[in-house]
Amino acid sequence: ITVEMITYTIGIATTKDNIILIRKTKPAWQAGKFNYVGGKVEGSESAQKCIAREFEEETSIKTTPESWKYLGMMQRENDFVCYVLAQENEEFVNCKTTTEEQVVIWSKIDFIRYFQKYPEDFMSNLLWMYDYSRCRDFDEYKCTFDIIFPENTSHELK
């Protein structure tokens, strides 16, 4: 049996002092929660091209595919793969809501405090991914992560 995997991207978008999130309306299991901007890879586009396209569609900010650094991927066997990318860009303070999913620009400290106080309002993997994206040695050592979930397990890491 051949199973077609769905490929997604998410982008950890930050400025020096802020982090950009959206309040999800779909899929149902994410509805109402904060998550990073992202979406489904179309056709043969690369993960970097996908996140650049999705980021512009959802926030009105144009980025180049090359400006997104690869952090890693999460995969659930026979279901999906999600590539995680990151970029720090001061232009992100100009992000606007352009779809039904509200764009929220959080100060980094408020994001951490709110996440700790109301974790149910966020996708559970946001904080560790944010911390990982801030790793000072990332560029020197090219540290990435690969997470494989067995079939029939949760989409989220806790």
N, C-alpha and C. Protein backbone atom coordinates (compact mmCIF):
# COMPACT_ATOMS: atom_id res chain seq x y z
N ILE A 1 0.85 -1.18 0.00
CA ILE A 1 0.00 0.00 0.00
C ILE A 1 0.89 1.24 0.00
N THR A 2 0.64 2.14 -0.93
CA THR A 2 1.38 3.39 -0.99
C THR A 2 0.55 4.48 -0.33
N VAL A 3 1.16 5.16 0.61
CA VAL A 3 0.48 6.24 1.32
C VAL A 3 1.14 7.55 0.93
N GLU A 4 0.32 8.51 0.49
CA GLU A 4 0.87 9.81 0.12
C GLU A 4 0.96 10.69 1.35
N MET A 5 2.17 11.09 1.69
CA MET A 5 2.40 11.95 2.84
C MET A 5 2.03 13.39 2.46
N ILE A 6 1.42 14.11 3.38
CA ILE A 6 1.14 15.52 3.20
C ILE A 6 2.33 16.27 3.78
N THR A 7 2.81 17.28 3.07
CA THR A 7 3.97 18.04 3.52
C THR A 7 3.55 19.45 3.88
N TYR A 8 3.97 19.89 5.07
CA TYR A 8 3.67 21.21 5.58
C TYR A 8 4.96 21.94 5.95
N THR A 9 4.84 23.24 6.16
CA THR A 9 5.92 24.02 6.74
C THR A 9 5.34 24.91 7.83
N ILE A 10 6.17 25.25 8.80
CA ILE A 10 5.85 26.32 9.74
C ILE A 10 7.09 27.19 9.87
N GLY A 11 6.85 28.49 10.10
CA GLY A 11 7.95 29.43 10.20
C GLY A 11 7.94 30.16 11.53
N ILE A 12 9.04 30.05 12.24
CA ILE A 12 9.21 30.78 13.50
C ILE A 12 9.74 32.16 13.12
N ALA A 13 8.84 33.14 13.13
CA ALA A 13 9.16 34.49 12.67
C ALA A 13 9.32 35.40 13.89
N THR A 14 10.47 36.04 13.98
CA THR A 14 10.75 36.90 15.12
C THR A 14 11.39 38.21 14.66
N THR A 15 11.31 39.19 15.56
CA THR A 15 12.13 40.39 15.45
C THR A 15 13.06 40.33 16.65
N LYS A 16 13.82 41.37 16.87
CA LYS A 16 14.69 41.39 18.05
C LYS A 16 13.88 41.22 19.33
N ASP A 17 12.68 41.82 19.37
CA ASP A 17 11.88 41.83 20.61
C ASP A 17 10.55 41.11 20.52
N ASN A 18 10.16 40.65 19.33
CA ASN A 18 8.81 40.11 19.15
C ASN A 18 8.81 38.75 18.47
N ILE A 19 7.66 38.09 18.60
CA ILE A 19 7.42 36.82 17.91
C ILE A 19 6.06 36.93 17.23
N ILE A 20 5.96 36.39 16.01
CA ILE A 20 4.74 36.49 15.22
C ILE A 20 4.01 35.15 15.28
N LEU A 21 2.76 35.19 15.71
CA LEU A 21 1.92 33.99 15.76
C LEU A 21 0.60 34.29 15.06
N ILE A 22 -0.14 33.24 14.75
CA ILE A 22 -1.50 33.40 14.26
C ILE A 22 -2.42 32.58 15.14
N ARG A 23 -3.68 33.03 15.23
CA ARG A 23 -4.71 32.26 15.94
C ARG A 23 -5.41 31.41 14.88
N LYS A 24 -5.24 30.12 14.99
CA LYS A 24 -5.70 29.18 13.98
C LYS A 24 -7.23 29.05 13.96
N THR A 25 -7.77 28.87 12.76
CA THR A 25 -9.19 28.55 12.60
C THR A 25 -9.37 27.14 12.05
N LYS A 26 -8.32 26.58 11.47
CA LYS A 26 -8.35 25.22 10.95
C LYS A 26 -6.94 24.67 10.98
N PRO A 27 -6.78 23.38 10.98
CA PRO A 27 -7.79 22.34 11.10
C PRO A 27 -8.46 22.37 12.48
N ALA A 28 -9.50 21.60 12.63
CA ALA A 28 -10.32 21.65 13.84
C ALA A 28 -9.51 21.43 15.11
N TRP A 29 -8.52 20.54 15.08
CA TRP A 29 -7.76 20.25 16.29
C TRP A 29 -6.85 21.40 16.71
N GLN A 30 -6.64 22.40 15.82
CA GLN A 30 -5.85 23.58 16.16
C GLN A 30 -6.71 24.83 16.36
N ALA A 31 -7.98 24.76 16.02
CA ALA A 31 -8.86 25.94 16.03
C ALA A 31 -8.83 26.64 17.38
N GLY A 32 -8.62 27.96 17.33
CA GLY A 32 -8.60 28.79 18.54
C GLY A 32 -7.24 28.88 19.21
N LYS A 33 -6.29 28.08 18.78
CA LYS A 33 -4.96 28.08 19.40
C LYS A 33 -3.99 28.94 18.60
N PHE A 34 -2.98 29.45 19.30
CA PHE A 34 -1.91 30.17 18.64
C PHE A 34 -0.91 29.18 18.07
N ASN A 35 -0.42 29.50 16.87
CA ASN A 35 0.59 28.67 16.22
C ASN A 35 1.45 29.58 15.36
N TYR A 36 2.52 29.02 14.82
CA TYR A 36 3.34 29.75 13.88
C TYR A 36 2.64 29.81 12.53
N VAL A 37 3.01 30.76 11.71
CA VAL A 37 2.51 30.83 10.33
C VAL A 37 3.03 29.61 9.58
N GLY A 38 2.21 29.08 8.70
CA GLY A 38 2.64 27.95 7.90
C GLY A 38 1.54 27.44 7.02
N GLY A 39 1.81 26.35 6.34
CA GLY A 39 0.80 25.77 5.47
C GLY A 39 1.34 24.61 4.68
N LYS A 40 0.52 24.18 3.73
CA LYS A 40 0.80 22.99 2.94
C LYS A 40 1.69 23.34 1.75
N VAL A 41 2.69 22.48 1.51
CA VAL A 41 3.55 22.60 0.35
C VAL A 41 2.72 22.29 -0.89
N GLU A 42 2.85 23.15 -1.92
CA GLU A 42 2.10 22.96 -3.16
C GLU A 42 3.02 22.43 -4.25
N GLY A 43 2.59 21.35 -4.88
CA GLY A 43 3.34 20.78 -5.99
C GLY A 43 4.76 20.42 -5.60
N SER A 44 5.72 20.89 -6.39
CA SER A 44 7.12 20.55 -6.15
C SER A 44 7.88 21.68 -5.46
N GLU A 45 7.17 22.64 -4.85
CA GLU A 45 7.89 23.74 -4.22
C GLU A 45 8.69 23.25 -3.01
N SER A 46 9.78 23.93 -2.73
CA SER A 46 10.61 23.59 -1.58
C SER A 46 9.96 24.08 -0.30
N ALA A 47 10.45 23.60 0.82
CA ALA A 47 9.95 24.07 2.12
C ALA A 47 10.17 25.57 2.26
N GLN A 48 11.33 26.06 1.82
CA GLN A 48 11.62 27.49 1.91
C GLN A 48 10.68 28.31 1.03
N LYS A 49 10.41 27.85 -0.18
CA LYS A 49 9.47 28.57 -1.05
C LYS A 49 8.07 28.54 -0.45
N CYS A 50 7.68 27.42 0.13
CA CYS A 50 6.36 27.31 0.74
C CYS A 50 6.20 28.30 1.89
N ILE A 51 7.16 28.35 2.80
CA ILE A 51 6.99 29.25 3.95
C ILE A 51 7.05 30.71 3.52
N ALA A 52 7.85 31.03 2.52
CA ALA A 52 7.87 32.41 2.01
C ALA A 52 6.50 32.77 1.42
N ARG A 53 5.91 31.86 0.66
CA ARG A 53 4.58 32.09 0.07
C ARG A 53 3.52 32.20 1.16
N GLU A 54 3.50 31.24 2.07
CA GLU A 54 2.51 31.24 3.15
C GLU A 54 2.64 32.49 4.03
N PHE A 55 3.87 32.87 4.32
CA PHE A 55 4.08 34.03 5.18
C PHE A 55 3.52 35.29 4.52
N GLU A 56 3.75 35.45 3.23
CA GLU A 56 3.20 36.62 2.53
C GLU A 56 1.67 36.55 2.48
N GLU A 57 1.12 35.37 2.19
CA GLU A 57 -0.34 35.22 2.12
C GLU A 57 -1.00 35.55 3.47
N GLU A 58 -0.38 35.14 4.57
CA GLU A 58 -1.01 35.27 5.88
C GLU A 58 -0.65 36.55 6.63
N THR A 59 0.43 37.24 6.23
CA THR A 59 0.86 38.42 7.00
C THR A 59 1.11 39.66 6.15
N SER A 60 1.09 39.54 4.84
CA SER A 60 1.37 40.59 3.86
C SER A 60 2.85 40.95 3.74
N ILE A 61 3.73 40.26 4.42
CA ILE A 61 5.17 40.55 4.37
C ILE A 61 5.86 39.59 3.40
N LYS A 62 6.54 40.18 2.41
CA LYS A 62 7.26 39.39 1.42
C LYS A 62 8.66 39.05 1.96
N THR A 63 9.01 37.78 1.88
CA THR A 63 10.35 37.32 2.25
C THR A 63 10.90 36.49 1.10
N THR A 64 12.18 36.23 1.13
CA THR A 64 12.76 35.35 0.13
C THR A 64 12.89 33.94 0.71
N PRO A 65 12.78 32.92 -0.12
CA PRO A 65 12.95 31.56 0.39
C PRO A 65 14.30 31.37 1.10
N GLU A 66 15.35 32.00 0.56
CA GLU A 66 16.69 31.83 1.12
C GLU A 66 16.85 32.45 2.50
N SER A 67 15.94 33.35 2.87
CA SER A 67 16.06 34.02 4.17
C SER A 67 15.55 33.16 5.33
N TRP A 68 14.91 32.04 5.03
CA TRP A 68 14.40 31.14 6.07
C TRP A 68 15.43 30.05 6.34
N LYS A 69 15.86 29.91 7.60
CA LYS A 69 16.84 28.86 7.92
C LYS A 69 16.09 27.60 8.37
N TYR A 70 16.60 26.48 7.94
CA TYR A 70 16.01 25.18 8.26
C TYR A 70 16.39 24.78 9.67
N LEU A 71 15.39 24.44 10.49
CA LEU A 71 15.65 23.98 11.85
C LEU A 71 15.48 22.48 12.00
N GLY A 72 14.51 21.92 11.30
CA GLY A 72 14.28 20.49 11.45
C GLY A 72 12.95 20.09 10.88
N MET A 73 12.56 18.85 11.17
CA MET A 73 11.28 18.37 10.68
C MET A 73 10.64 17.44 11.69
N MET A 74 9.32 17.42 11.62
CA MET A 74 8.51 16.49 12.41
C MET A 74 7.73 15.65 11.42
N GLN A 75 7.59 14.37 11.73
CA GLN A 75 6.89 13.49 10.81
C GLN A 75 6.07 12.49 11.60
N ARG A 76 4.86 12.24 11.12
CA ARG A 76 4.10 11.12 11.65
C ARG A 76 4.00 10.10 10.53
N GLU A 77 4.46 8.90 10.81
CA GLU A 77 4.54 7.86 9.80
C GLU A 77 3.22 7.70 9.05
N ASN A 78 3.32 7.61 7.73
CA ASN A 78 2.18 7.40 6.84
C ASN A 78 1.12 8.49 6.96
N ASP A 79 1.51 9.70 7.35
CA ASP A 79 0.53 10.77 7.50
C ASP A 79 1.07 12.11 7.00
N PHE A 80 2.05 12.68 7.70
CA PHE A 80 2.52 14.01 7.33
C PHE A 80 3.99 14.18 7.67
N VAL A 81 4.58 15.20 7.05
CA VAL A 81 5.89 15.70 7.43
C VAL A 81 5.76 17.21 7.49
N CYS A 82 6.36 17.82 8.50
CA CYS A 82 6.30 19.27 8.68
C CYS A 82 7.72 19.79 8.87
N TYR A 83 8.14 20.65 7.94
CA TYR A 83 9.46 21.27 8.02
C TYR A 83 9.35 22.56 8.83
N VAL A 84 10.29 22.75 9.74
CA VAL A 84 10.30 23.92 10.62
C VAL A 84 11.45 24.82 10.19
N LEU A 85 11.11 26.08 9.91
CA LEU A 85 12.09 27.07 9.47
C LEU A 85 11.98 28.29 10.37
N ALA A 86 12.99 29.14 10.33
CA ALA A 86 12.99 30.33 11.20
C ALA A 86 13.64 31.49 10.49
N GLN A 87 13.21 32.69 10.90
CA GLN A 87 13.82 33.91 10.39
C GLN A 87 13.59 35.03 11.40
N GLU A 88 14.63 35.83 11.61
CA GLU A 88 14.49 37.07 12.38
C GLU A 88 14.59 38.22 11.40
N ASN A 89 13.59 39.12 11.44
CA ASN A 89 13.52 40.20 10.47
C ASN A 89 12.73 41.34 11.09
N GLU A 90 13.32 42.50 11.18
CA GLU A 90 12.65 43.64 11.82
C GLU A 90 11.41 44.10 11.05
N GLU A 91 11.29 43.75 9.77
CA GLU A 91 10.09 44.09 8.99
C GLU A 91 8.84 43.38 9.52
N PHE A 92 9.04 42.30 10.28
CA PHE A 92 7.90 41.52 10.77
C PHE A 92 7.00 42.33 11.72
N VAL A 93 7.48 43.45 12.25
CA VAL A 93 6.60 44.29 13.10
C VAL A 93 5.45 44.87 12.27
N ASN A 94 5.56 44.81 10.95
CA ASN A 94 4.52 45.33 10.06
C ASN A 94 3.53 44.26 9.59
N CYS A 95 3.59 43.08 10.17
CA CYS A 95 2.67 42.01 9.77
C CYS A 95 1.22 42.44 10.01
N LYS A 96 0.34 42.04 9.08
CA LYS A 96 -1.08 42.34 9.19
C LYS A 96 -1.88 41.06 8.99
N THR A 97 -3.07 41.03 9.55
CA THR A 97 -3.98 39.92 9.32
C THR A 97 -4.52 40.05 7.89
N THR A 98 -4.37 39.00 7.09
CA THR A 98 -4.84 39.03 5.71
C THR A 98 -5.79 37.87 5.39
N THR A 99 -6.00 36.97 6.35
CA THR A 99 -6.91 35.84 6.17
C THR A 99 -7.82 35.79 7.40
N GLU A 100 -8.62 34.73 7.49
CA GLU A 100 -9.48 34.59 8.67
C GLU A 100 -8.70 34.26 9.93
N GLU A 101 -7.40 33.96 9.77
CA GLU A 101 -6.56 33.65 10.93
C GLU A 101 -5.82 34.91 11.37
N GLN A 102 -6.13 35.36 12.58
CA GLN A 102 -5.60 36.62 13.11
C GLN A 102 -4.11 36.54 13.38
N VAL A 103 -3.37 37.54 12.88
CA VAL A 103 -1.94 37.66 13.16
C VAL A 103 -1.78 38.41 14.48
N VAL A 104 -0.92 37.89 15.35
CA VAL A 104 -0.66 38.53 16.64
C VAL A 104 0.84 38.71 16.78
N ILE A 105 1.25 39.95 17.08
CA ILE A 105 2.66 40.26 17.32
C ILE A 105 2.84 40.35 18.82
N TRP A 106 3.50 39.36 19.39
CA TRP A 106 3.72 39.29 20.84
C TRP A 106 5.11 39.82 21.16
N SER A 107 5.24 40.52 22.29
CA SER A 107 6.60 40.74 22.79
C SER A 107 7.07 39.36 23.26
N LYS A 108 8.35 39.10 23.14
CA LYS A 108 8.85 37.77 23.50
C LYS A 108 8.58 37.44 24.96
N ILE A 109 8.73 38.41 25.83
CA ILE A 109 8.51 38.15 27.26
C ILE A 109 7.04 37.87 27.55
N ASP A 110 6.13 38.61 26.89
CA ASP A 110 4.69 38.36 27.08
C ASP A 110 4.30 36.99 26.54
N PHE A 111 4.88 36.61 25.41
CA PHE A 111 4.62 35.29 24.84
C PHE A 111 4.97 34.19 25.84
N ILE A 112 6.15 34.29 26.42
CA ILE A 112 6.59 33.26 27.38
C ILE A 112 5.69 33.26 28.62
N ARG A 113 5.39 34.43 29.15
CA ARG A 113 4.53 34.50 30.34
C ARG A 113 3.13 33.96 30.06
N TYR A 114 2.53 34.38 28.94
CA TYR A 114 1.18 33.94 28.61
C TYR A 114 1.16 32.44 28.33
N PHE A 115 2.19 31.95 27.63
CA PHE A 115 2.27 30.52 27.34
C PHE A 115 2.30 29.71 28.64
N GLN A 116 3.09 30.19 29.61
CA GLN A 116 3.20 29.47 30.88
C GLN A 116 1.90 29.53 31.68
N LYS A 117 1.17 30.64 31.58
CA LYS A 117 -0.07 30.80 32.35
C LYS A 117 -1.26 30.13 31.68
N TYR A 118 -1.32 30.17 30.35
CA TYR A 118 -2.46 29.63 29.60
C TYR A 118 -1.99 28.68 28.49
N PRO A 119 -1.35 27.58 28.84
CA PRO A 119 -0.79 26.69 27.81
C PRO A 119 -1.85 26.12 26.86
N GLU A 120 -3.08 26.02 27.31
CA GLU A 120 -4.13 25.47 26.46
C GLU A 120 -4.47 26.38 25.27
N ASP A 121 -4.02 27.63 25.30
CA ASP A 121 -4.27 28.56 24.20
C ASP A 121 -3.23 28.43 23.07
N PHE A 122 -2.25 27.57 23.24
CA PHE A 122 -1.14 27.46 22.29
C PHE A 122 -0.96 26.01 21.86
N MET A 123 -0.44 25.83 20.66
CA MET A 123 0.04 24.51 20.28
C MET A 123 1.20 24.20 21.23
N SER A 124 1.22 23.00 21.76
CA SER A 124 2.13 22.70 22.86
C SER A 124 3.61 22.74 22.48
N ASN A 125 3.92 22.65 21.20
CA ASN A 125 5.33 22.62 20.80
C ASN A 125 5.92 24.00 20.53
N LEU A 126 5.16 25.07 20.70
CA LEU A 126 5.66 26.40 20.34
C LEU A 126 6.86 26.84 21.16
N LEU A 127 6.83 26.63 22.46
CA LEU A 127 7.89 27.16 23.30
C LEU A 127 9.23 26.48 23.05
N TRP A 128 9.26 25.16 22.99
CA TRP A 128 10.55 24.51 22.76
C TRP A 128 11.08 24.81 21.36
N MET A 129 10.18 24.95 20.37
CA MET A 129 10.65 25.32 19.03
C MET A 129 11.23 26.73 19.03
N TYR A 130 10.57 27.64 19.73
CA TYR A 130 11.09 29.01 19.83
C TYR A 130 12.47 28.98 20.48
N ASP A 131 12.59 28.28 21.60
CA ASP A 131 13.89 28.18 22.28
C ASP A 131 14.95 27.60 21.34
N TYR A 132 14.59 26.58 20.62
CA TYR A 132 15.52 25.95 19.70
C TYR A 132 15.97 26.93 18.62
N SER A 133 15.03 27.73 18.11
CA SER A 133 15.37 28.69 17.05
C SER A 133 16.33 29.76 17.54
N ARG A 134 16.38 29.99 18.84
CA ARG A 134 17.24 31.03 19.41
C ARG A 134 18.63 30.50 19.75
N CYS A 135 18.89 29.23 19.51
CA CYS A 135 20.18 28.62 19.84
C CYS A 135 21.31 29.38 19.18
N ARG A 136 22.22 29.92 19.97
CA ARG A 136 23.31 30.73 19.44
C ARG A 136 24.29 29.92 18.60
N ASP A 137 24.40 28.62 18.86
CA ASP A 137 25.35 27.80 18.13
C ASP A 137 24.77 27.19 16.87
N PHE A 138 23.49 27.48 16.57
CA PHE A 138 22.84 26.84 15.44
C PHE A 138 23.64 27.01 14.15
N ASP A 139 23.98 28.25 13.81
CA ASP A 139 24.66 28.49 12.54
C ASP A 139 26.05 27.85 12.49
N GLU A 140 26.75 27.82 13.61
CA GLU A 140 28.09 27.24 13.62
C GLU A 140 28.05 25.72 13.51
N TYR A 141 27.15 25.07 14.26
CA TYR A 141 27.15 23.62 14.33
C TYR A 141 26.10 22.96 13.43
N LYS A 142 25.20 23.77 12.84
CA LYS A 142 24.16 23.25 11.96
C LYS A 142 23.32 22.18 12.66
N CYS A 143 22.98 22.41 13.90
CA CYS A 143 22.15 21.48 14.66
C CYS A 143 20.73 21.52 14.12
N THR A 144 20.17 20.39 13.79
CA THR A 144 18.78 20.31 13.38
C THR A 144 18.13 19.17 14.15
N PHE A 145 16.81 19.07 14.06
CA PHE A 145 16.11 17.97 14.74
C PHE A 145 15.26 17.22 13.74
N ASP A 146 15.08 15.96 13.98
CA ASP A 146 14.15 15.11 13.23
C ASP A 146 13.35 14.34 14.27
N ILE A 147 12.04 14.51 14.22
CA ILE A 147 11.15 13.83 15.16
C ILE A 147 10.19 12.97 14.36
N ILE A 148 10.15 11.68 14.65
CA ILE A 148 9.25 10.76 13.97
C ILE A 148 8.23 10.26 14.99
N PHE A 149 6.95 10.54 14.73
CA PHE A 149 5.87 10.04 15.57
C PHE A 149 5.39 8.72 14.98
N PRO A 150 5.21 7.69 15.78
CA PRO A 150 4.60 6.46 15.26
C PRO A 150 3.17 6.76 14.79
N GLU A 151 2.64 5.88 13.96
CA GLU A 151 1.25 6.06 13.53
C GLU A 151 0.33 6.12 14.74
N ASN A 152 -0.80 6.79 14.57
CA ASN A 152 -1.85 6.87 15.60
C ASN A 152 -1.39 7.53 16.90
N THR A 153 -0.51 8.49 16.81
CA THR A 153 -0.11 9.26 17.98
C THR A 153 -0.49 10.70 17.78
N SER A 154 -0.43 11.48 18.85
CA SER A 154 -0.79 12.89 18.80
C SER A 154 0.13 13.67 17.88
N HIS A 155 -0.41 14.76 17.31
CA HIS A 155 0.39 15.67 16.49
C HIS A 155 1.33 16.52 17.35
N GLU A 156 1.07 16.61 18.63
CA GLU A 156 1.79 17.56 19.46
C GLU A 156 2.80 16.88 20.36
N LEU A 157 3.88 17.58 20.62
CA LEU A 157 4.85 17.14 21.63
C LEU A 157 4.51 17.84 22.92
N LYS A 158 4.59 17.13 24.00
CA LYS A 158 4.30 17.74 25.29
C LYS A 158 5.48 17.55 26.20
